[in-house]
Amino acid sequence: METIYLLFIVLLAAMLGFELIRKVPATLHTPLMSGSNAISGVTLVGALVASGSDNNLLTTILGTAAVALASINVVGGYLVTDRMLGMFKKKDKK
């Protein structure tokens, strides 16, 4: 029964997140991307704690996968944010 509740929460969070991101105007996208990068950094710390725990093999495997995915998310997010901010810089005239 607990698994059904957890699955319901994950599905509800996914639908809510999709709707929120879909309705964000373009002018707010870069600041929100920076904020989500900070949240991904917190996720990365939690994944490191989970992967380093001595509970069991499954926890270590899932924690290691979470570290890899959160790292990709953080690095990719900062690259996209940097590219977006680069669009607002003035071009040098030569």
C-alpha atoms as a PDB file:
ATOM      1  CA  MET A   1       0.000   0.000   0.000  1.00  0.00           C
ATOM      2  CA  GLU A   2       2.859   2.373   0.776  1.00  0.00           C
ATOM      3  CA  THR A   3       4.282   1.801  -2.708  1.00  0.00           C
ATOM      4  CA  ILE A   4       1.024   2.964  -4.275  1.00  0.00           C
ATOM      5  CA  TYR A   5       1.131   6.196  -2.273  1.00  0.00           C
ATOM      6  CA  LEU A   6       4.740   6.828  -3.275  1.00  0.00           C
ATOM      7  CA  LEU A   7       3.956   6.143  -6.926  1.00  0.00           C
ATOM      8  CA  PHE A   8       0.997   8.532  -6.710  1.00  0.00           C
ATOM      9  CA  ILE A   9       3.226  11.259  -5.272  1.00  0.00           C
ATOM     10  CA  VAL A  10       5.852  10.786  -8.008  1.00  0.00           C
ATOM     11  CA  LEU A  11       3.213  10.939 -10.766  1.00  0.00           C
ATOM     12  CA  LEU A  12       1.555  13.979  -9.224  1.00  0.00           C
ATOM     13  CA  ALA A  13       4.909  15.763  -8.905  1.00  0.00           C
ATOM     14  CA  ALA A  14       5.799  14.933 -12.516  1.00  0.00           C
ATOM     15  CA  MET A  15       2.499  16.301 -13.836  1.00  0.00           C
ATOM     16  CA  LEU A  16       2.725  19.432 -11.703  1.00  0.00           C
ATOM     17  CA  GLY A  17       6.342  20.046 -12.729  1.00  0.00           C
ATOM     18  CA  PHE A  18       5.500  19.609 -16.404  1.00  0.00           C
ATOM     19  CA  GLU A  19       2.645  22.101 -16.189  1.00  0.00           C
ATOM     20  CA  LEU A  20       4.723  24.651 -14.289  1.00  0.00           C
ATOM     21  CA  ILE A  21       7.674  24.513 -16.680  1.00  0.00           C
ATOM     22  CA  ARG A  22       5.418  24.619 -19.738  1.00  0.00           C
ATOM     23  CA  LYS A  23       3.834  27.895 -18.626  1.00  0.00           C
ATOM     24  CA  VAL A  24       7.064  29.765 -17.810  1.00  0.00           C
ATOM     25  CA  PRO A  25       7.596  32.820 -20.044  1.00  0.00           C
ATOM     26  CA  ALA A  26      10.873  33.034 -21.963  1.00  0.00           C
ATOM     27  CA  THR A  27      12.059  36.054 -19.930  1.00  0.00           C
ATOM     28  CA  LEU A  28      12.005  34.022 -16.711  1.00  0.00           C
ATOM     29  CA  HIS A  29      13.613  30.897 -18.125  1.00  0.00           C
ATOM     30  CA  THR A  30      17.253  31.809 -17.345  1.00  0.00           C
ATOM     31  CA  PRO A  31      16.684  32.780 -13.676  1.00  0.00           C
ATOM     32  CA  LEU A  32      14.622  29.643 -13.132  1.00  0.00           C
ATOM     33  CA  MET A  33      17.346  27.549 -14.778  1.00  0.00           C
ATOM     34  CA  SER A  34      19.861  28.926 -12.277  1.00  0.00           C
ATOM     35  CA  GLY A  35      17.535  28.106  -9.413  1.00  0.00           C
ATOM     36  CA  SER A  36      16.966  24.586 -10.664  1.00  0.00           C
ATOM     37  CA  ASN A  37      20.736  24.131 -10.925  1.00  0.00           C
ATOM     38  CA  ALA A  38      21.020  24.964  -7.237  1.00  0.00           C
ATOM     39  CA  ILE A  39      18.308  22.407  -6.438  1.00  0.00           C
ATOM     40  CA  SER A  40      20.161  19.836  -8.553  1.00  0.00           C
ATOM     41  CA  GLY A  41      23.265  20.565  -6.482  1.00  0.00           C
ATOM     42  CA  VAL A  42      21.321  19.692  -3.346  1.00  0.00           C
ATOM     43  CA  THR A  43      20.125  16.520  -5.068  1.00  0.00           C
ATOM     44  CA  LEU A  44      23.727  15.686  -5.862  1.00  0.00           C
ATOM     45  CA  VAL A  45      24.696  15.982  -2.195  1.00  0.00           C
ATOM     46  CA  GLY A  46      21.813  13.699  -1.198  1.00  0.00           C
ATOM     47  CA  ALA A  47      22.836  11.190  -3.866  1.00  0.00           C
ATOM     48  CA  LEU A  48      26.400  11.203  -2.541  1.00  0.00           C
ATOM     49  CA  VAL A  49      25.117  10.442   0.947  1.00  0.00           C
ATOM     50  CA  ALA A  50      22.915   7.620  -0.375  1.00  0.00           C
ATOM     51  CA  SER A  51      25.682   6.068  -2.454  1.00  0.00           C
ATOM     52  CA  GLY A  52      28.135   6.177   0.435  1.00  0.00           C
ATOM     53  CA  SER A  53      25.837   4.548   2.957  1.00  0.00           C
ATOM     54  CA  ASP A  54      26.451   0.973   4.031  1.00  0.00           C
ATOM     55  CA  ASN A  55      22.822  -0.136   3.984  1.00  0.00           C
ATOM     56  CA  ASN A  56      22.805  -2.625   1.125  1.00  0.00           C
ATOM     57  CA  LEU A  57      23.952  -3.149  -2.446  1.00  0.00           C
ATOM     58  CA  LEU A  58      20.758  -1.804  -4.038  1.00  0.00           C
ATOM     59  CA  THR A  59      21.071   1.488  -2.158  1.00  0.00           C
ATOM     60  CA  THR A  60      24.670   1.861  -3.281  1.00  0.00           C
ATOM     61  CA  ILE A  61      23.796   1.138  -6.916  1.00  0.00           C
ATOM     62  CA  LEU A  62      20.836   3.517  -6.963  1.00  0.00           C
ATOM     63  CA  GLY A  63      22.851   6.195  -5.151  1.00  0.00           C
ATOM     64  CA  THR A  64      25.686   5.887  -7.656  1.00  0.00           C
ATOM     65  CA  ALA A  65      23.230   6.167 -10.558  1.00  0.00           C
ATOM     66  CA  ALA A  66      21.687   9.219  -8.879  1.00  0.00           C
ATOM     67  CA  VAL A  67      25.136  10.813  -8.537  1.00  0.00           C
ATOM     68  CA  ALA A  68      25.811  10.272 -12.247  1.00  0.00           C
ATOM     69  CA  LEU A  69      22.444  11.636 -13.372  1.00  0.00           C
ATOM     70  CA  ALA A  70      22.499  14.617 -11.002  1.00  0.00           C
ATOM     71  CA  SER A  71      26.036  15.479 -12.151  1.00  0.00           C
ATOM     72  CA  ILE A  72      24.930  15.431 -15.788  1.00  0.00           C
ATOM     73  CA  ASN A  73      21.960  17.620 -14.874  1.00  0.00           C
ATOM     74  CA  VAL A  74      24.067  20.177 -13.004  1.00  0.00           C
ATOM     75  CA  VAL A  75      26.793  20.438 -15.654  1.00  0.00           C
ATOM     76  CA  GLY A  76      24.303  20.553 -18.529  1.00  0.00           C
ATOM     77  CA  GLY A  77      22.200  23.153 -16.750  1.00  0.00           C
ATOM     78  CA  TYR A  78      25.163  25.444 -16.206  1.00  0.00           C
ATOM     79  CA  LEU A  79      26.251  25.035 -19.843  1.00  0.00           C
ATOM     80  CA  VAL A  80      22.770  25.939 -21.085  1.00  0.00           C
ATOM     81  CA  THR A  81      22.552  28.897 -18.698  1.00  0.00           C
ATOM     82  CA  ASP A  82      25.968  30.145 -19.825  1.00  0.00           C
ATOM     83  CA  ARG A  83      24.931  29.860 -23.454  1.00  0.00           C
ATOM     84  CA  MET A  84      21.695  31.756 -22.786  1.00  0.00           C
ATOM     85  CA  LEU A  85      23.504  34.529 -20.957  1.00  0.00           C
ATOM     86  CA  GLY A  86      25.986  34.709 -23.839  1.00  0.00           C
ATOM     87  CA  MET A  87      23.121  35.707 -26.122  1.00  0.00           C
ATOM     88  CA  PHE A  88      22.639  38.897 -24.119  1.00  0.00           C
ATOM     89  CA  LYS A  89      26.265  40.019 -24.341  1.00  0.00           C
ATOM     90  CA  LYS A  90      27.177  42.728 -26.806  1.00  0.00           C
ATOM     91  CA  LYS A  91      29.059  41.591 -29.861  1.00  0.00           C
ATOM     92  CA  ASP A  92      32.533  43.073 -30.368  1.00  0.00           C
ATOM     93  CA  LYS A  93      32.773  45.014 -33.608  1.00  0.00           C
ATOM     94  CA  LYS A  94      36.056  44.497 -35.396  1.00  0.00           C
END
